[in-house]
Structures are given as structure tokens and as C-alpha cells.
């Protein structure tokens, strides 16, 4: 998340890496507690429902990379406040 906000990776790379990392930690049995889990779920649903990885397939209602970065920045602020 921090790498996306810092401009070190693209939105599509972030989304692919996020899903891979999240799947791995869940498969490894890692569990988190509320409210940390709520933020992670919000990011998951943001990527799952509102962000299309292939730029050419994005529609008018889909998030742009800039909008994704803004929302991830807000998620990081929520995590930092915990």
C-alpha cells in the first residue's frame, strides 16, 4: 500500500500483488482483528468491485489509478490511526 502511494508501483501491479499477498496470508492461517481487518476488507472490496486491472477494459464508473491511490492513501491513514 505504501509503495503505491509513494509512486513506486502502478495501480495494476498493486492490485495483483495485493490479491497474491492477501491470499497467501489467509492460506497461512494469519488472522487479524477488527478494526484492522475492516480496513483490509475495505481494500479488498475496493479492488474487487471498483478497480479493473486492464486499463483498456475500464468503464466510466471504474476507478482510475489516481482514484485508487487516493483511496489507498485514506486506508493507510485509517491503519496509522489504529
N, C-alpha and C. Protein backbone atom coordinates (compact mmCIF):
# COMPACT_ATOMS: atom_id res chain seq x y z
N UNK A 1 0.83 -1.18 0.00
CA UNK A 1 0.00 0.00 0.00
C UNK A 1 0.88 1.25 0.00
N UNK A 2 1.90 1.20 0.82
CA UNK A 2 2.80 2.36 0.89
C UNK A 2 3.56 2.56 -0.42
N UNK A 3 3.91 1.48 -1.08
CA UNK A 3 4.62 1.59 -2.36
C UNK A 3 3.74 2.22 -3.43
N UNK A 4 2.45 1.91 -3.43
CA UNK A 4 1.54 2.53 -4.39
C UNK A 4 1.45 4.02 -4.13
N UNK A 5 1.22 4.39 -2.87
CA UNK A 5 1.07 5.80 -2.51
C UNK A 5 2.34 6.58 -2.80
N UNK A 6 3.50 5.94 -2.65
CA UNK A 6 4.78 6.60 -2.92
C UNK A 6 5.11 6.66 -4.41
N UNK A 7 4.27 6.05 -5.24
CA UNK A 7 4.52 6.07 -6.68
C UNK A 7 5.56 5.07 -7.14
N UNK A 8 5.87 4.10 -6.29
CA UNK A 8 6.89 3.11 -6.63
C UNK A 8 6.36 1.96 -7.47
N UNK A 9 5.03 1.74 -7.44
CA UNK A 9 4.41 0.72 -8.27
C UNK A 9 3.12 1.28 -8.87
N UNK A 10 2.69 0.66 -9.93
CA UNK A 10 1.46 1.09 -10.62
C UNK A 10 0.23 0.52 -9.92
N UNK A 11 -0.92 1.07 -10.28
CA UNK A 11 -2.17 0.55 -9.75
C UNK A 11 -2.39 -0.93 -10.09
N UNK A 12 -2.22 -1.31 -11.36
CA UNK A 12 -2.39 -2.73 -11.70
C UNK A 12 -1.41 -3.64 -10.95
N UNK A 13 -0.17 -3.22 -10.81
CA UNK A 13 0.81 -4.04 -10.08
C UNK A 13 0.39 -4.16 -8.62
N UNK A 14 -0.07 -3.06 -8.04
CA UNK A 14 -0.54 -3.10 -6.66
C UNK A 14 -1.67 -4.10 -6.51
N UNK A 15 -2.66 -4.04 -7.40
CA UNK A 15 -3.82 -4.93 -7.30
C UNK A 15 -3.41 -6.40 -7.38
N UNK A 16 -2.57 -6.72 -8.33
CA UNK A 16 -2.10 -8.12 -8.46
C UNK A 16 -1.33 -8.53 -7.21
N UNK A 17 -0.42 -7.69 -6.77
CA UNK A 17 0.38 -8.02 -5.57
C UNK A 17 -0.51 -8.13 -4.33
N UNK A 18 -1.49 -7.24 -4.21
CA UNK A 18 -2.40 -7.25 -3.05
C UNK A 18 -3.13 -8.59 -2.98
N UNK A 19 -3.75 -8.98 -4.09
CA UNK A 19 -4.51 -10.24 -4.09
C UNK A 19 -3.60 -11.43 -3.78
N UNK A 20 -2.41 -11.45 -4.35
CA UNK A 20 -1.45 -12.54 -4.07
C UNK A 20 -1.08 -12.58 -2.60
N UNK A 21 -0.72 -11.44 -2.04
CA UNK A 21 -0.28 -11.38 -0.64
C UNK A 21 -1.43 -11.73 0.30
N UNK A 22 -2.60 -11.21 0.01
CA UNK A 22 -3.75 -11.47 0.88
C UNK A 22 -4.11 -12.95 0.86
N UNK A 23 -4.11 -13.54 -0.33
CA UNK A 23 -4.40 -14.97 -0.45
C UNK A 23 -3.38 -15.80 0.33
N UNK A 24 -2.12 -15.42 0.22
CA UNK A 24 -1.05 -16.16 0.90
C UNK A 24 -1.20 -16.10 2.42
N UNK A 25 -1.44 -14.92 2.97
CA UNK A 25 -1.54 -14.83 4.43
C UNK A 25 -2.78 -15.56 4.95
N UNK A 26 -3.86 -15.52 4.19
CA UNK A 26 -5.06 -16.26 4.61
C UNK A 26 -4.81 -17.77 4.54
N UNK A 27 -4.13 -18.21 3.48
CA UNK A 27 -3.79 -19.64 3.36
C UNK A 27 -2.85 -20.09 4.46
N UNK A 28 -2.01 -19.17 4.93
CA UNK A 28 -1.07 -19.48 6.01
C UNK A 28 -1.74 -19.43 7.38
N UNK A 29 -3.01 -19.07 7.41
CA UNK A 29 -3.75 -19.05 8.67
C UNK A 29 -3.67 -17.76 9.45
N UNK A 30 -3.08 -16.73 8.87
CA UNK A 30 -2.98 -15.45 9.57
C UNK A 30 -4.36 -14.81 9.69
N UNK A 31 -4.66 -14.34 10.85
CA UNK A 31 -5.94 -13.67 11.08
C UNK A 31 -5.68 -12.33 11.76
N UNK A 32 -6.54 -11.38 11.47
CA UNK A 32 -6.42 -10.06 12.08
C UNK A 32 -7.72 -9.73 12.81
N UNK A 33 -7.63 -8.77 13.68
CA UNK A 33 -8.79 -8.36 14.47
C UNK A 33 -9.36 -7.06 13.93
N UNK A 34 -10.62 -6.84 14.28
CA UNK A 34 -11.24 -5.55 13.99
C UNK A 34 -10.49 -4.50 14.79
N UNK A 35 -10.36 -3.30 14.36
CA UNK A 35 -10.78 -2.70 13.11
C UNK A 35 -9.76 -2.87 11.98
N UNK A 36 -8.60 -3.45 12.27
CA UNK A 36 -7.59 -3.67 11.23
C UNK A 36 -8.16 -4.50 10.09
N UNK A 37 -8.89 -5.55 10.44
CA UNK A 37 -9.49 -6.42 9.42
C UNK A 37 -10.48 -5.65 8.56
N UNK A 38 -11.21 -4.71 9.15
CA UNK A 38 -12.18 -3.92 8.39
C UNK A 38 -11.49 -3.13 7.30
N UNK A 39 -10.34 -2.54 7.60
CA UNK A 39 -9.61 -1.76 6.59
C UNK A 39 -9.15 -2.69 5.47
N UNK A 40 -8.62 -3.85 5.83
CA UNK A 40 -8.17 -4.80 4.80
C UNK A 40 -9.33 -5.27 3.93
N UNK A 41 -10.46 -5.51 4.54
CA UNK A 41 -11.65 -5.91 3.76
C UNK A 41 -12.11 -4.77 2.85
N UNK A 42 -12.05 -3.55 3.34
CA UNK A 42 -12.43 -2.41 2.50
C UNK A 42 -11.53 -2.31 1.28
N UNK A 43 -10.23 -2.54 1.46
CA UNK A 43 -9.30 -2.52 0.32
C UNK A 43 -9.63 -3.67 -0.63
N UNK A 44 -9.89 -4.84 -0.08
CA UNK A 44 -10.24 -5.99 -0.92
C UNK A 44 -11.46 -5.67 -1.78
N UNK A 45 -12.53 -5.18 -1.16
CA UNK A 45 -13.75 -4.89 -1.91
C UNK A 45 -13.55 -3.73 -2.89
N UNK A 46 -12.73 -2.78 -2.54
CA UNK A 46 -12.40 -1.69 -3.46
C UNK A 46 -11.78 -2.26 -4.73
N UNK A 47 -10.80 -3.14 -4.57
CA UNK A 47 -10.15 -3.74 -5.72
C UNK A 47 -11.08 -4.68 -6.47
N UNK A 48 -11.83 -5.46 -5.74
CA UNK A 48 -12.72 -6.46 -6.34
C UNK A 48 -13.89 -5.82 -7.10
N UNK A 49 -14.47 -4.78 -6.52
CA UNK A 49 -15.70 -4.22 -7.08
C UNK A 49 -15.51 -2.99 -7.97
N UNK A 50 -14.48 -2.20 -7.70
CA UNK A 50 -14.39 -0.88 -8.34
C UNK A 50 -13.16 -0.66 -9.22
N UNK A 51 -12.21 -1.59 -9.21
CA UNK A 51 -10.97 -1.36 -9.94
C UNK A 51 -10.77 -2.48 -10.96
N UNK A 52 -10.61 -2.09 -12.21
CA UNK A 52 -10.37 -3.04 -13.29
C UNK A 52 -8.90 -2.94 -13.67
N UNK A 53 -8.20 -4.07 -13.58
CA UNK A 53 -6.76 -4.06 -13.82
C UNK A 53 -6.40 -3.71 -15.27
N UNK A 54 -6.95 -4.38 -16.27
CA UNK A 54 -6.60 -3.96 -17.64
C UNK A 54 -7.22 -2.59 -17.94
N UNK A 55 -6.39 -1.60 -18.13
CA UNK A 55 -6.85 -0.23 -18.34
C UNK A 55 -7.84 -0.17 -19.50
N UNK A 56 -7.60 -0.93 -20.54
CA UNK A 56 -8.46 -0.90 -21.72
C UNK A 56 -9.87 -1.42 -21.47
N UNK A 57 -10.09 -2.13 -20.38
CA UNK A 57 -11.41 -2.67 -20.07
C UNK A 57 -12.18 -1.83 -19.06
N UNK A 58 -11.59 -0.75 -18.59
CA UNK A 58 -12.25 0.09 -17.60
C UNK A 58 -13.40 0.87 -18.21
N UNK A 59 -14.48 0.92 -17.46
CA UNK A 59 -15.64 1.69 -17.87
C UNK A 59 -15.69 3.02 -17.15
N UNK A 60 -16.71 3.81 -17.45
CA UNK A 60 -16.81 5.13 -16.84
C UNK A 60 -16.96 5.11 -15.32
N UNK A 61 -17.50 4.06 -14.75
CA UNK A 61 -17.68 4.01 -13.30
C UNK A 61 -16.53 3.37 -12.55
N UNK A 62 -15.54 2.86 -13.27
CA UNK A 62 -14.40 2.19 -12.62
C UNK A 62 -13.39 3.22 -12.13
N UNK A 63 -12.68 2.83 -11.08
CA UNK A 63 -11.66 3.72 -10.52
C UNK A 63 -10.49 3.89 -11.48
N UNK A 64 -9.97 5.10 -11.53
CA UNK A 64 -8.71 5.35 -12.23
C UNK A 64 -7.57 5.01 -11.27
N UNK A 65 -6.36 4.97 -11.78
CA UNK A 65 -5.21 4.73 -10.91
C UNK A 65 -5.08 5.84 -9.87
N UNK A 66 -5.36 7.06 -10.25
CA UNK A 66 -5.27 8.18 -9.32
C UNK A 66 -6.31 8.05 -8.20
N UNK A 67 -7.52 7.68 -8.56
CA UNK A 67 -8.57 7.49 -7.55
C UNK A 67 -8.22 6.33 -6.62
N UNK A 68 -7.68 5.25 -7.19
CA UNK A 68 -7.26 4.12 -6.37
C UNK A 68 -6.21 4.57 -5.36
N UNK A 69 -5.22 5.31 -5.83
CA UNK A 69 -4.16 5.79 -4.94
C UNK A 69 -4.72 6.65 -3.82
N UNK A 70 -5.67 7.51 -4.13
CA UNK A 70 -6.30 8.36 -3.12
C UNK A 70 -7.00 7.51 -2.07
N UNK A 71 -7.72 6.49 -2.50
CA UNK A 71 -8.44 5.63 -1.56
C UNK A 71 -7.48 4.78 -0.73
N UNK A 72 -6.39 4.33 -1.31
CA UNK A 72 -5.40 3.55 -0.56
C UNK A 72 -4.69 4.47 0.44
N UNK A 73 -4.44 5.70 0.06
CA UNK A 73 -3.85 6.67 1.00
C UNK A 73 -4.76 6.83 2.21
N UNK A 74 -6.07 6.91 1.98
CA UNK A 74 -7.04 7.04 3.08
C UNK A 74 -7.05 5.77 3.94
N UNK A 75 -6.93 4.61 3.32
CA UNK A 75 -6.88 3.35 4.08
C UNK A 75 -5.63 3.32 4.96
N UNK A 76 -4.52 3.77 4.42
CA UNK A 76 -3.29 3.82 5.22
C UNK A 76 -3.44 4.77 6.40
N UNK A 77 -4.10 5.89 6.19
CA UNK A 77 -4.34 6.83 7.29
C UNK A 77 -5.18 6.18 8.37
N UNK A 78 -6.17 5.39 7.96
CA UNK A 78 -7.00 4.67 8.94
C UNK A 78 -6.16 3.66 9.71
N UNK A 79 -5.29 2.95 9.01
CA UNK A 79 -4.41 1.98 9.69
C UNK A 79 -3.45 2.67 10.63
N UNK A 80 -2.88 3.78 10.19
CA UNK A 80 -1.94 4.53 11.03
C UNK A 80 -2.60 5.07 12.30
N UNK A 81 -3.91 5.32 12.22
CA UNK A 81 -4.63 5.87 13.36
C UNK A 81 -4.97 4.79 14.41
N UNK A 82 -4.80 3.52 14.05
CA UNK A 82 -5.14 2.44 14.99
C UNK A 82 -4.12 2.34 16.11
